[in-house]
Structures are given as structure tokens and as C-alpha cells.
Protein backbone atom coordinates (compact mmCIF):
# COMPACT_ATOMS: atom_id res chain seq x y z
CA MET A 1 60.34 125.35 132.16
CA LEU A 2 58.59 128.50 130.82
CA GLY A 3 55.58 129.65 132.68
CA PRO A 4 52.13 130.65 131.40
CA TRP A 5 52.93 134.30 131.45
CA ALA A 6 56.10 133.74 129.70
CA ARG A 7 54.69 131.88 126.91
CA ALA A 8 51.86 134.37 126.46
CA GLY A 9 54.58 136.89 126.05
CA GLN A 10 56.60 135.03 123.38
CA LEU A 11 53.34 134.28 121.53
CA GLY A 12 52.35 137.97 121.56
CA ARG A 13 56.13 138.90 120.26
CA TRP A 14 55.73 136.39 117.49
CA LEU A 15 52.60 137.75 116.30
CA VAL A 16 53.62 141.74 116.51
CA HIS A 17 57.24 140.75 115.02
CA PRO A 18 55.92 140.70 111.24
CA PHE A 19 54.49 144.33 111.58
CA ILE A 20 57.78 146.07 113.57
CA SER A 21 59.61 148.28 111.43
CA GLN A 22 57.44 148.30 108.70
CA GLU A 23 57.16 151.20 106.03
CA PRO A 24 54.05 153.73 106.64
CA VAL A 25 52.52 152.66 103.54
CA PHE A 26 52.00 149.16 105.04
CA TYR A 27 50.30 150.60 107.93
CA ARG A 28 47.97 152.50 105.58
CA ALA A 29 47.25 149.52 103.46
CA ALA A 30 46.41 147.63 106.58
CA ALA A 31 43.80 150.44 107.85
CA VAL A 32 42.18 150.54 104.30
CA CYS A 33 41.79 146.62 104.18
CA LEU A 34 40.62 146.68 108.08
CA LEU A 35 37.97 149.47 107.21
CA ALA A 36 36.74 147.71 103.90
CA ALA A 37 36.21 144.68 105.84
CA GLY A 38 33.94 146.55 108.56
CA LEU A 39 32.01 148.18 105.64
CA PHE A 40 31.42 144.94 103.84
CA TRP A 41 30.14 143.38 107.21
CA GLN A 42 28.05 146.22 107.90
CA MET A 43 26.47 146.53 104.79
CA ASN A 44 25.84 142.81 104.61
CA ALA A 45 24.07 142.69 108.12
CA LEU A 46 21.89 145.93 106.97
CA ASN A 47 20.61 143.78 104.17
CA LYS A 48 19.20 141.22 106.52
CA THR A 49 15.39 141.59 108.19
CA TYR A 50 15.17 142.55 111.48
CA SER A 51 12.28 143.60 114.05
CA THR A 52 12.47 146.63 116.26
CA ARG A 53 10.65 149.36 118.23
CA LEU A 54 9.93 152.79 116.29
CA MET A 55 8.10 155.89 117.50
CA CYS A 56 5.88 156.86 114.20
CA PRO A 57 5.21 160.73 114.48
CA LEU A 58 1.66 161.68 114.11
CA ALA A 59 0.07 164.68 112.35
CA TRP A 60 -3.40 165.93 113.43
CA TYR A 61 -5.86 167.64 111.14
CA TYR A 62 -9.02 169.21 112.10
CA ASP A 63 -10.69 172.65 112.23
CA THR A 64 -8.82 174.45 114.74
CA THR A 65 -10.61 177.59 114.41
CA ARG A 66 -13.80 175.66 115.88
CA TYR A 67 -12.75 172.82 118.11
CA VAL A 68 -10.10 172.58 120.49
CA SER A 69 -8.42 169.64 122.07
CA LEU A 70 -8.82 169.14 125.97
CA ARG A 71 -6.02 167.17 126.50
CA PRO A 72 -2.62 167.15 124.68
CA LEU A 73 -2.64 165.06 121.38
CA PRO A 74 0.03 162.42 121.07
CA ALA A 75 2.89 163.40 118.98
CA ALA A 76 3.85 159.83 118.18
CA VAL A 77 2.83 155.98 118.92
CA PRO A 78 5.19 153.31 119.55
CA VAL A 79 5.14 150.07 117.25
CA VAL A 80 7.01 146.91 116.53
CA VAL A 81 7.94 146.55 112.70
CA THR A 82 9.80 144.18 110.86
CA GLY A 83 11.94 145.30 107.91
CA GLN A 84 15.30 145.37 106.11
CA GLY A 85 18.24 146.78 108.29
CA TRP A 86 18.49 149.67 105.70
CA ARG A 87 15.01 150.75 106.02
CA LEU A 88 14.90 150.38 109.76
CA LEU A 89 18.13 152.39 110.34
CA ARG A 90 16.62 155.32 108.12
CA ALA A 91 13.52 155.36 110.13
CA ASN A 92 15.41 155.45 113.65
CA LEU A 93 17.22 158.28 112.26
CA GLY A 94 14.17 160.05 111.12
CA MET A 95 14.68 159.87 107.59
CA GLY A 96 12.20 158.61 105.29
CA LEU A 97 9.62 158.50 108.14
CA ARG A 98 6.52 160.56 107.37
CA PRO A 99 4.28 161.38 109.83
CA ALA A 100 0.89 159.25 109.91
CA GLU A 101 -1.89 161.84 109.01
CA LEU A 102 -4.86 161.65 111.17
CA HIS A 103 -8.19 163.66 110.44
CA PRO A 104 -10.46 163.01 113.49
CA VAL A 105 -14.03 164.31 113.68
CA PRO A 106 -13.57 166.50 116.65
CA ARG A 107 -17.34 166.27 117.96
CA PRO A 108 -17.67 167.50 121.64
CA GLY A 109 -17.79 164.35 123.69
CA THR A 110 -15.60 162.18 121.32
CA ARG A 111 -13.50 160.08 123.76
CA TYR A 112 -11.36 158.32 121.22
CA LEU A 113 -10.25 157.26 117.50
CA SER A 114 -10.93 154.00 116.70
CA ALA A 115 -8.26 151.54 115.64
CA SER A 116 -9.50 150.97 112.18
CA THR A 117 -9.15 154.65 111.44
CA TRP A 118 -5.56 155.29 112.96
CA GLN A 119 -3.83 152.22 112.22
CA HIS A 120 -4.78 152.53 108.63
CA SER A 121 -2.76 155.86 108.66
CA LEU A 122 0.15 154.47 110.28
CA GLN A 123 0.24 151.67 107.92
CA ARG A 124 0.47 153.97 104.89
CA ALA A 125 3.16 155.97 106.80
CA LEU A 126 5.31 152.92 107.32
CA GLU A 127 5.30 152.07 103.83
CA GLY A 128 8.01 148.97 103.38
CA LEU A 129 7.61 148.13 106.74
CA GLN A 130 5.32 145.39 108.44
CA VAL A 131 3.88 146.53 111.73
CA ASP A 132 4.02 143.35 114.18
CA GLU A 133 2.57 145.07 117.38
CA TRP A 134 0.26 148.02 117.86
CA ALA A 135 0.49 150.29 120.97
CA SER A 136 -3.22 149.92 121.51
CA ASP A 137 -6.51 149.50 120.03
CA THR A 138 -7.45 153.08 120.51
CA LEU A 139 -6.04 156.79 120.79
CA ARG A 140 -7.73 158.73 123.95
CA LEU A 141 -8.52 162.41 122.90
CA THR A 142 -11.23 164.81 124.03
CA PHE A 143 -12.60 167.64 122.00
CA ASP A 144 -14.76 170.67 122.59
CA ARG A 145 -15.94 173.32 120.41
CA TYR A 146 -14.91 176.98 121.33
CA ALA A 147 -17.26 179.29 122.57
CA THR A 148 -17.22 183.17 123.70
CA ARG A 149 -18.65 184.78 126.85
CA ARG A 150 -18.60 188.54 127.86
CA LEU A 151 -18.42 188.73 131.60
CA PRO A 152 -18.47 191.73 134.06
CA LEU A 153 -15.41 192.22 136.01
CA THR A 154 -15.18 192.61 139.80
CA LEU A 155 -12.27 192.49 142.35
CA ALA A 156 -11.69 189.07 143.74
CA ALA A 157 -11.93 188.48 147.49
CA PRO A 158 -8.55 188.21 149.24
CA ASP A 159 -7.14 184.52 149.73
CA SER A 160 -7.07 185.65 153.44
CA GLY A 161 -10.82 185.54 153.77
CA ARG A 162 -10.94 189.27 155.03
CA ALA A 163 -13.29 192.01 153.39
CA LEU A 164 -12.44 193.89 150.53
CA VAL A 165 -10.86 197.27 151.69
CA TYR A 166 -11.39 198.72 147.77
CA THR A 167 -14.01 199.18 145.60
CA ALA A 168 -13.19 199.39 141.77
CA ARG A 169 -14.22 200.72 138.58
CA PHE A 170 -12.79 199.00 135.55
CA GLU A 171 -11.89 199.94 132.08
CA PRO A 172 -13.24 197.95 130.42
CA SER A 173 -16.12 197.25 132.68
CA HIS A 174 -16.79 193.93 130.84
CA LEU A 175 -14.23 191.33 129.07
CA THR A 176 -14.67 188.65 126.60
CA PHE A 177 -13.19 185.03 127.20
CA ARG A 178 -12.74 182.50 124.56
CA GLY A 179 -11.97 178.78 125.23
CA PRO A 180 -13.71 175.37 125.46
CA ALA A 181 -17.52 175.54 125.77
CA SER A 182 -17.36 173.31 128.71
CA VAL A 183 -14.92 175.68 130.35
CA VAL A 184 -16.36 179.03 129.59
CA ALA A 185 -19.89 178.18 130.64
CA ARG A 186 -18.31 177.48 134.05
CA LEU A 187 -16.51 180.87 134.53
CA PRO A 188 -18.02 182.93 137.23
CA SER A 189 -20.09 186.03 136.79
CA PRO A 190 -19.07 188.71 137.54
CA TYR A 191 -15.27 187.35 136.78
CA PRO A 192 -13.23 188.00 139.59
CA VAL A 193 -9.86 189.86 139.10
CA ALA A 194 -7.10 189.52 141.71
CA LEU A 195 -5.49 192.74 143.49
CA PRO A 196 -1.74 192.04 143.61
CA ALA A 197 -0.35 192.60 147.30
CA GLY A 198 0.94 196.02 148.14
CA THR A 199 -1.84 197.91 145.57
CA GLY A 200 -2.63 201.14 147.09
CA PRO A 201 -5.89 203.66 146.08
CA GLY A 202 -5.92 205.13 142.78
CA ALA A 203 -5.31 203.82 139.05
CA ALA A 204 -3.68 200.67 138.69
CA GLN A 205 -3.13 197.93 136.00
CA LEU A 206 -4.64 194.49 137.27
CA PRO A 207 -3.66 191.25 135.68
CA VAL A 208 -6.38 189.21 134.41
CA ARG A 209 -6.02 185.42 134.94
CA ALA A 210 -7.97 182.71 133.23
CA PRO A 211 -8.12 178.88 133.36
CA ALA A 212 -5.92 176.56 130.87
CA LEU A 213 -7.09 176.85 127.48
CA VAL A 214 -9.34 180.20 127.88
CA GLN A 215 -7.92 183.24 126.39
CA PRO A 216 -9.27 186.67 127.79
CA ALA A 217 -9.42 189.45 125.39
CA ALA A 218 -7.08 191.28 127.36
CA THR A 219 -4.56 190.16 129.91
CA GLN A 220 -4.61 193.48 132.20
CA VAL A 221 -7.32 195.96 132.64
CA ARG A 222 -7.38 199.50 134.19
CA ALA A 223 -8.93 199.64 137.61
CA GLU A 224 -9.59 203.07 139.54
CA LEU A 225 -9.41 201.53 143.35
CA ARG A 226 -11.08 203.41 146.02
CA ALA A 227 -11.16 203.00 149.88
CA ARG A 228 -14.55 201.75 151.25
């Protein structure tokens, strides 16, 4: 009596036998049939309705010459949507999914964008899809107005806490800083300019470093250093 492995071998040979010694055109025809069957199945599947999670891109529009966001604005938000397979496939590939246009009123102290504002914009951008679940009720954001402040310059005290060994005459003697009003208002006056290690007496170009979101009018200033 044949064992199970022998019977399986016989069955395999019986299934493969009709395809042995066939002309190449037979294999090409078989491949075309399999490909057509696969495409038909795929097209039929994409005509059905599915639910999936998408990242909807956001486009922010506000007066960037007068206001600044104190935290990075989200570039996209996750949503759960239901729609036809073709539409969801295109959306996942980044095709036919335009950014939702958001127009916040960037008043200082604004902490969030209400759901009624941003969800309506997302629904317009996701035309043809039904939104089943939103990421949250609000989008957190913080705006401030731009401000400028002109400050005199001075040498920064060494990190070691020791006394300064040089006096400095800066050119220019004052520098203008531009950034969020709440940050600019806290800048020290006179504004300290650090002395790089190894700098000796005489003329030197010193870097001006500022807090994040604050832009100095110059990134370097000329200083004439003299020993005390």
C-alpha cells in the first residue's frame, strides 16, 4: 500500500502532466488568463465600499507678515473615512486629495481652532468620502504678533562665571531684533554677545545668537576688543 507521501506525489504528477511538453504559446495564453482574472478580481474589489484611516493634508492661510505661530502648525490630521475602493486607493496614494484650507484668525492668545471651523474645511477637501471619525474636537495652536526692538550690545559674561578680561566697542553699537512680541519683550538690554574661546585682543567678528523665532538684523558684528 502506498504511503501518504507517495500518493501526494502521484496526485502532483497527475496535475502537472497536462502542462508538460506544451508549446510556448500555451504558457503565454495561461499567463494572460491568470492576469486577466487577477485584474477582474481587483477591479471588482475596488468597486466595493470600505473604511480606512487617512492623513488629510492641511494648508494654512493667515497674514504671515504680521503674525507668527509659536508652535509648528500641523501639516495633516488623521481621519477615519468610508468610501469607494477606487477613491480610497487614490487618496492613500496622494492623488485627488487636496489640502483642507484653514484660515485662522491669528490673534495673540488664540489657543485653538474650533471644530466647527476646521472640520467643515476637511469635509470639503474630502469630497466623495464620508468622515466617520475625527482626530479630535480642536486643533491646538498659538499665535503672536511680530515685534521689533533695537538693543545696545555688550559682551556676555563667561560661562565659567569669571570676570570679563576685555572691553568691547561694537560696530554697530545697537542691533534690531524681530520676532514674536512676547519673546522680543523678554530679551535682555543690553543684549549679550558671546566671545568665542581663543579670541584675543584686537578686531574680531563675533556671532550674534538669538532665541528661536527671533531674527537679528545681523548674524555677526564687528568688535574692537581691549584688555581691561
